[in-house]
Amino acid sequence: MNKIIKNTIILTLITVISGLGLGLVYEITAGPISQAQEEAKKKAWKEVFPETADDDFKAEDVDKKAADKAIRELGVKATIDEVCMAGEDGYIITATDKEGYGGDIQITVGITTDGTVSGISILSISETAGLGMKAKEPAFYEQYKGKQTDKFVVSKDGGSGEPIDALSGATITSRAVTGAVNAALGYYQEVYQ
């Protein structure tokens, strides 16, 4: 019986010390991680609206009802994460599509005041190397740039909307990126038009 109590005390001490160590590491790394995410977000804003001055980016609250309505009408499994006004130029909408091949795909979409997509920037993606990760290449994501449309469609799926050529071998990724762009467009149309 003494051996069981002794082992229980040892395991409890190891667990407490490990927990405290992990908590300390979290506290040390939380600030730098948050700062890196903020810098990545601001870099993405500049990619979609390069002419806008840094001081002209103003975050706005997401209208959850409008976001839910837009997403429901589009039939995509996505969320609107953040909205930012880009001075007089337009809006930046960050959306996440939940149906990527490797998980969530989070993108930032710039939309001018007349509804034209000024560009997209991928914030988070974990797709298959050599296939889905090609979504980060300009040959794919620049298909959205400069287009004024109600929605985009992956051309091999058909349907109405501005066609986007799918990545070879990565149709699921192409659909997810398109779904996130459409979610951002739907939110823009619901709230700002």
C-alpha atoms as a PDB file:
ATOM      1  CA  MET A   1       0.000   0.000   0.000  1.00  0.00           C
ATOM      2  CA  ASN A   2       2.876   2.412   0.769  1.00  0.00           C
ATOM      3  CA  LYS A   3       4.281   1.809  -2.701  1.00  0.00           C
ATOM      4  CA  ILE A   4       0.948   2.849  -4.303  1.00  0.00           C
ATOM      5  CA  ILE A   5       0.807   6.056  -2.251  1.00  0.00           C
ATOM      6  CA  LYS A   6       4.447   6.841  -3.033  1.00  0.00           C
ATOM      7  CA  ASN A   7       3.882   6.316  -6.796  1.00  0.00           C
ATOM      8  CA  THR A   8       0.702   8.405  -6.674  1.00  0.00           C
ATOM      9  CA  ILE A   9       2.553  11.300  -5.031  1.00  0.00           C
ATOM     10  CA  ILE A  10       5.393  11.056  -7.573  1.00  0.00           C
ATOM     11  CA  LEU A  11       2.970  11.046 -10.526  1.00  0.00           C
ATOM     12  CA  THR A  12       1.024  13.955  -9.044  1.00  0.00           C
ATOM     13  CA  LEU A  13       4.217  16.006  -8.643  1.00  0.00           C
ATOM     14  CA  ILE A  14       5.308  15.218 -12.203  1.00  0.00           C
ATOM     15  CA  THR A  15       1.880  16.237 -13.513  1.00  0.00           C
ATOM     16  CA  VAL A  16       1.842  19.499 -11.524  1.00  0.00           C
ATOM     17  CA  ILE A  17       5.391  20.429 -12.560  1.00  0.00           C
ATOM     18  CA  SER A  18       4.664  19.591 -16.221  1.00  0.00           C
ATOM     19  CA  GLY A  19       1.455  21.636 -16.137  1.00  0.00           C
ATOM     20  CA  LEU A  20       3.238  24.618 -14.623  1.00  0.00           C
ATOM     21  CA  GLY A  21       6.001  24.309 -17.234  1.00  0.00           C
ATOM     22  CA  LEU A  22       3.509  24.233 -20.097  1.00  0.00           C
ATOM     23  CA  GLY A  23       1.659  27.204 -18.643  1.00  0.00           C
ATOM     24  CA  LEU A  24       4.910  29.158 -18.406  1.00  0.00           C
ATOM     25  CA  VAL A  25       5.854  28.324 -22.000  1.00  0.00           C
ATOM     26  CA  TYR A  26       2.378  29.415 -23.150  1.00  0.00           C
ATOM     27  CA  GLU A  27       2.706  32.749 -21.328  1.00  0.00           C
ATOM     28  CA  ILE A  28       6.133  33.347 -22.851  1.00  0.00           C
ATOM     29  CA  THR A  29       5.068  32.515 -26.423  1.00  0.00           C
ATOM     30  CA  ALA A  30       1.518  33.964 -26.470  1.00  0.00           C
ATOM     31  CA  GLY A  31       2.666  37.549 -27.042  1.00  0.00           C
ATOM     32  CA  PRO A  32       5.081  36.852 -29.921  1.00  0.00           C
ATOM     33  CA  ILE A  33       2.571  34.521 -31.613  1.00  0.00           C
ATOM     34  CA  SER A  34      -0.171  37.141 -31.364  1.00  0.00           C
ATOM     35  CA  GLN A  35       2.178  39.807 -32.711  1.00  0.00           C
ATOM     36  CA  ALA A  36       3.204  37.587 -35.653  1.00  0.00           C
ATOM     37  CA  GLN A  37      -0.467  36.919 -36.488  1.00  0.00           C
ATOM     38  CA  GLU A  38      -1.245  40.643 -36.364  1.00  0.00           C
ATOM     39  CA  GLU A  39       1.696  41.409 -38.672  1.00  0.00           C
ATOM     40  CA  ALA A  40       0.591  38.678 -41.119  1.00  0.00           C
ATOM     41  CA  LYS A  41      -2.911  40.143 -41.151  1.00  0.00           C
ATOM     42  CA  LYS A  42      -1.638  43.663 -41.865  1.00  0.00           C
ATOM     43  CA  LYS A  43       0.637  42.325 -44.603  1.00  0.00           C
ATOM     44  CA  ALA A  44      -2.401  40.616 -46.179  1.00  0.00           C
ATOM     45  CA  TRP A  45      -4.328  43.905 -46.014  1.00  0.00           C
ATOM     46  CA  LYS A  46      -1.520  45.651 -47.904  1.00  0.00           C
ATOM     47  CA  GLU A  47      -1.481  42.866 -50.508  1.00  0.00           C
ATOM     48  CA  VAL A  48      -5.149  43.366 -51.369  1.00  0.00           C
ATOM     49  CA  PHE A  49      -5.085  47.185 -51.101  1.00  0.00           C
ATOM     50  CA  PRO A  50      -1.456  48.233 -51.715  1.00  0.00           C
ATOM     51  CA  GLU A  51      -2.339  51.902 -52.312  1.00  0.00           C
ATOM     52  CA  THR A  52      -4.101  52.348 -48.962  1.00  0.00           C
ATOM     53  CA  ALA A  53      -2.054  53.999 -46.214  1.00  0.00           C
ATOM     54  CA  ASP A  54      -1.491  51.946 -43.049  1.00  0.00           C
ATOM     55  CA  ASP A  55      -3.420  54.488 -40.967  1.00  0.00           C
ATOM     56  CA  ASP A  56      -6.488  54.163 -43.200  1.00  0.00           C
ATOM     57  CA  PHE A  57      -7.230  50.547 -42.259  1.00  0.00           C
ATOM     58  CA  LYS A  58     -10.033  50.606 -39.686  1.00  0.00           C
ATOM     59  CA  ALA A  59     -11.427  47.391 -38.198  1.00  0.00           C
ATOM     60  CA  GLU A  60     -15.215  47.109 -37.968  1.00  0.00           C
ATOM     61  CA  ASP A  61     -17.496  44.766 -36.093  1.00  0.00           C
ATOM     62  CA  VAL A  62     -18.784  41.800 -38.081  1.00  0.00           C
ATOM     63  CA  ASP A  63     -22.566  41.892 -38.503  1.00  0.00           C
ATOM     64  CA  LYS A  64     -23.234  38.281 -37.455  1.00  0.00           C
ATOM     65  CA  LYS A  65     -26.814  38.242 -38.737  1.00  0.00           C
ATOM     66  CA  ALA A  66     -25.771  39.496 -42.165  1.00  0.00           C
ATOM     67  CA  ALA A  67     -22.844  37.055 -42.236  1.00  0.00           C
ATOM     68  CA  ASP A  68     -25.067  34.107 -41.337  1.00  0.00           C
ATOM     69  CA  LYS A  69     -27.632  35.127 -43.964  1.00  0.00           C
ATOM     70  CA  ALA A  70     -25.037  35.528 -46.720  1.00  0.00           C
ATOM     71  CA  ILE A  71     -23.404  32.202 -45.933  1.00  0.00           C
ATOM     72  CA  ARG A  72     -26.738  30.401 -45.692  1.00  0.00           C
ATOM     73  CA  GLU A  73     -27.842  31.777 -49.076  1.00  0.00           C
ATOM     74  CA  LEU A  74     -24.562  30.704 -50.687  1.00  0.00           C
ATOM     75  CA  GLY A  75     -24.709  27.235 -49.150  1.00  0.00           C
ATOM     76  CA  VAL A  76     -21.043  27.255 -48.138  1.00  0.00           C
ATOM     77  CA  LYS A  77     -19.566  26.053 -44.877  1.00  0.00           C
ATOM     78  CA  ALA A  78     -17.684  29.203 -43.982  1.00  0.00           C
ATOM     79  CA  THR A  79     -17.392  32.004 -41.445  1.00  0.00           C
ATOM     80  CA  ILE A  80     -16.775  35.733 -41.683  1.00  0.00           C
ATOM     81  CA  ASP A  81     -13.968  36.351 -39.217  1.00  0.00           C
ATOM     82  CA  GLU A  82     -13.102  40.009 -39.552  1.00  0.00           C
ATOM     83  CA  VAL A  83     -14.027  43.129 -41.509  1.00  0.00           C
ATOM     84  CA  CYS A  84     -11.858  46.167 -42.097  1.00  0.00           C
ATOM     85  CA  MET A  85     -12.482  49.385 -43.964  1.00  0.00           C
ATOM     86  CA  ALA A  86      -9.644  50.282 -46.340  1.00  0.00           C
ATOM     87  CA  GLY A  87      -9.991  54.045 -46.274  1.00  0.00           C
ATOM     88  CA  GLU A  88     -12.063  55.263 -49.224  1.00  0.00           C
ATOM     89  CA  ASP A  89     -10.933  52.317 -51.377  1.00  0.00           C
ATOM     90  CA  GLY A  90     -13.220  49.569 -50.109  1.00  0.00           C
ATOM     91  CA  TYR A  91     -13.380  46.758 -47.587  1.00  0.00           C
ATOM     92  CA  ILE A  92     -11.246  43.860 -46.486  1.00  0.00           C
ATOM     93  CA  ILE A  93     -13.148  40.791 -45.392  1.00  0.00           C
ATOM     94  CA  THR A  94     -11.465  37.801 -43.799  1.00  0.00           C
ATOM     95  CA  ALA A  95     -13.333  34.541 -44.294  1.00  0.00           C
ATOM     96  CA  THR A  96     -12.635  30.910 -43.437  1.00  0.00           C
ATOM     97  CA  ASP A  97     -13.946  27.985 -45.461  1.00  0.00           C
ATOM     98  CA  LYS A  98     -14.251  24.809 -43.386  1.00  0.00           C
ATOM     99  CA  GLU A  99     -14.135  22.360 -46.315  1.00  0.00           C
ATOM    100  CA  GLY A 100     -10.518  22.382 -47.451  1.00  0.00           C
ATOM    101  CA  TYR A 101      -8.867  19.023 -48.077  1.00  0.00           C
ATOM    102  CA  GLY A 102      -6.406  19.570 -45.216  1.00  0.00           C
ATOM    103  CA  GLY A 103      -8.716  21.605 -42.976  1.00  0.00           C
ATOM    104  CA  ASP A 104      -9.769  25.233 -42.724  1.00  0.00           C
ATOM    105  CA  ILE A 105      -8.596  27.757 -45.304  1.00  0.00           C
ATOM    106  CA  GLN A 106      -8.571  31.370 -44.139  1.00  0.00           C
ATOM    107  CA  ILE A 107      -8.254  34.158 -46.680  1.00  0.00           C
ATOM    108  CA  THR A 108      -8.453  37.916 -46.831  1.00  0.00           C
ATOM    109  CA  VAL A 109     -10.457  39.403 -49.701  1.00  0.00           C
ATOM    110  CA  GLY A 110     -10.209  43.017 -50.796  1.00  0.00           C
ATOM    111  CA  ILE A 111     -13.388  44.387 -52.366  1.00  0.00           C
ATOM    112  CA  THR A 112     -13.534  47.899 -53.803  1.00  0.00           C
ATOM    113  CA  THR A 113     -16.514  50.175 -53.267  1.00  0.00           C
ATOM    114  CA  ASP A 114     -17.949  49.145 -56.667  1.00  0.00           C
ATOM    115  CA  GLY A 115     -17.812  45.429 -55.755  1.00  0.00           C
ATOM    116  CA  THR A 116     -14.660  44.499 -57.677  1.00  0.00           C
ATOM    117  CA  VAL A 117     -12.290  42.013 -56.020  1.00  0.00           C
ATOM    118  CA  SER A 118      -9.007  43.885 -55.654  1.00  0.00           C
ATOM    119  CA  GLY A 119      -7.199  40.721 -54.620  1.00  0.00           C
ATOM    120  CA  ILE A 120      -7.033  37.859 -52.163  1.00  0.00           C
ATOM    121  CA  SER A 121      -4.370  36.809 -49.708  1.00  0.00           C
ATOM    122  CA  ILE A 122      -4.219  33.424 -48.012  1.00  0.00           C
ATOM    123  CA  LEU A 123      -3.681  33.699 -44.263  1.00  0.00           C
ATOM    124  CA  SER A 124      -3.917  30.037 -43.276  1.00  0.00           C
ATOM    125  CA  ILE A 125      -3.820  26.875 -45.363  1.00  0.00           C
ATOM    126  CA  SER A 126      -2.590  23.330 -44.722  1.00  0.00           C
ATOM    127  CA  GLU A 127      -3.279  21.487 -47.947  1.00  0.00           C
ATOM    128  CA  THR A 128      -1.271  18.763 -49.694  1.00  0.00           C
ATOM    129  CA  ALA A 129       2.208  19.891 -50.748  1.00  0.00           C
ATOM    130  CA  GLY A 130       2.579  20.160 -54.515  1.00  0.00           C
ATOM    131  CA  LEU A 131      -1.188  20.082 -55.072  1.00  0.00           C
ATOM    132  CA  GLY A 132      -3.455  22.123 -52.798  1.00  0.00           C
ATOM    133  CA  MET A 133      -0.621  24.356 -51.628  1.00  0.00           C
ATOM    134  CA  LYS A 134      -0.468  25.715 -55.188  1.00  0.00           C
ATOM    135  CA  ALA A 135      -3.408  27.872 -54.117  1.00  0.00           C
ATOM    136  CA  LYS A 136      -0.733  30.193 -52.693  1.00  0.00           C
ATOM    137  CA  GLU A 137       0.713  30.718 -56.165  1.00  0.00           C
ATOM    138  CA  PRO A 138      -0.271  33.837 -58.144  1.00  0.00           C
ATOM    139  CA  ALA A 139      -1.304  31.725 -61.146  1.00  0.00           C
ATOM    140  CA  PHE A 140      -4.257  30.495 -59.079  1.00  0.00           C
ATOM    141  CA  TYR A 141      -5.255  33.293 -56.726  1.00  0.00           C
ATOM    142  CA  GLU A 142      -4.933  36.104 -59.265  1.00  0.00           C
ATOM    143  CA  GLN A 143      -7.884  34.594 -61.176  1.00  0.00           C
ATOM    144  CA  TYR A 144     -10.133  36.409 -58.671  1.00  0.00           C
ATOM    145  CA  LYS A 145      -8.397  39.782 -58.989  1.00  0.00           C
ATOM    146  CA  GLY A 146     -10.118  42.550 -60.909  1.00  0.00           C
ATOM    147  CA  LYS A 147     -13.389  40.647 -61.280  1.00  0.00           C
ATOM    148  CA  GLN A 148     -16.744  42.210 -60.480  1.00  0.00           C
ATOM    149  CA  THR A 149     -19.271  39.425 -59.964  1.00  0.00           C
ATOM    150  CA  ASP A 150     -21.925  38.179 -57.566  1.00  0.00           C
ATOM    151  CA  LYS A 151     -20.039  34.919 -57.088  1.00  0.00           C
ATOM    152  CA  PHE A 152     -17.315  32.674 -58.445  1.00  0.00           C
ATOM    153  CA  VAL A 153     -17.635  29.027 -59.492  1.00  0.00           C
ATOM    154  CA  VAL A 154     -15.034  26.364 -60.088  1.00  0.00           C
ATOM    155  CA  SER A 155     -15.342  25.929 -63.861  1.00  0.00           C
ATOM    156  CA  LYS A 156     -15.394  22.125 -63.799  1.00  0.00           C
ATOM    157  CA  ASP A 157     -18.412  22.235 -61.453  1.00  0.00           C
ATOM    158  CA  GLY A 158     -20.437  24.421 -63.816  1.00  0.00           C
ATOM    159  CA  GLY A 159     -23.130  26.766 -62.598  1.00  0.00           C
ATOM    160  CA  SER A 160     -23.608  30.487 -62.854  1.00  0.00           C
ATOM    161  CA  GLY A 161     -20.909  32.873 -61.795  1.00  0.00           C
ATOM    162  CA  GLU A 162     -17.413  33.942 -62.787  1.00  0.00           C
ATOM    163  CA  PRO A 163     -15.461  30.739 -63.637  1.00  0.00           C
ATOM    164  CA  ILE A 164     -12.246  29.865 -61.824  1.00  0.00           C
ATOM    165  CA  ASP A 165      -9.929  27.172 -63.176  1.00  0.00           C
ATOM    166  CA  ALA A 166      -9.340  24.509 -60.510  1.00  0.00           C
ATOM    167  CA  LEU A 167      -5.883  23.500 -59.451  1.00  0.00           C
ATOM    168  CA  SER A 168      -4.922  20.230 -61.133  1.00  0.00           C
ATOM    169  CA  GLY A 169      -5.418  17.437 -58.596  1.00  0.00           C
ATOM    170  CA  ALA A 170      -6.755  19.823 -55.963  1.00  0.00           C
ATOM    171  CA  THR A 171     -10.382  20.510 -56.817  1.00  0.00           C
ATOM    172  CA  ILE A 172     -11.427  20.378 -53.144  1.00  0.00           C
ATOM    173  CA  THR A 173      -8.911  23.107 -52.295  1.00  0.00           C
ATOM    174  CA  SER A 174     -10.085  25.175 -55.279  1.00  0.00           C
ATOM    175  CA  ARG A 175     -13.693  24.864 -54.099  1.00  0.00           C
ATOM    176  CA  ALA A 176     -12.744  25.852 -50.541  1.00  0.00           C
ATOM    177  CA  VAL A 177     -10.834  28.970 -51.612  1.00  0.00           C
ATOM    178  CA  THR A 178     -13.714  29.885 -53.923  1.00  0.00           C
ATOM    179  CA  GLY A 179     -16.178  29.258 -51.074  1.00  0.00           C
ATOM    180  CA  ALA A 180     -14.266  31.653 -48.805  1.00  0.00           C
ATOM    181  CA  VAL A 181     -14.112  34.307 -51.535  1.00  0.00           C
ATOM    182  CA  ASN A 182     -17.846  33.876 -52.157  1.00  0.00           C
ATOM    183  CA  ALA A 183     -18.559  34.181 -48.423  1.00  0.00           C
ATOM    184  CA  ALA A 184     -16.658  37.487 -48.364  1.00  0.00           C
ATOM    185  CA  LEU A 185     -18.488  38.708 -51.493  1.00  0.00           C
ATOM    186  CA  GLY A 186     -21.834  37.643 -50.052  1.00  0.00           C
ATOM    187  CA  TYR A 187     -21.133  39.546 -46.839  1.00  0.00           C
ATOM    188  CA  TYR A 188     -20.084  42.625 -48.815  1.00  0.00           C
ATOM    189  CA  GLN A 189     -23.269  42.493 -50.892  1.00  0.00           C
ATOM    190  CA  GLU A 190     -25.425  41.976 -47.803  1.00  0.00           C
ATOM    191  CA  VAL A 191     -23.913  44.793 -45.744  1.00  0.00           C
ATOM    192  CA  TYR A 192     -22.367  47.363 -48.068  1.00  0.00           C
ATOM    193  CA  GLN A 193     -24.456  47.377 -51.255  1.00  0.00           C
END
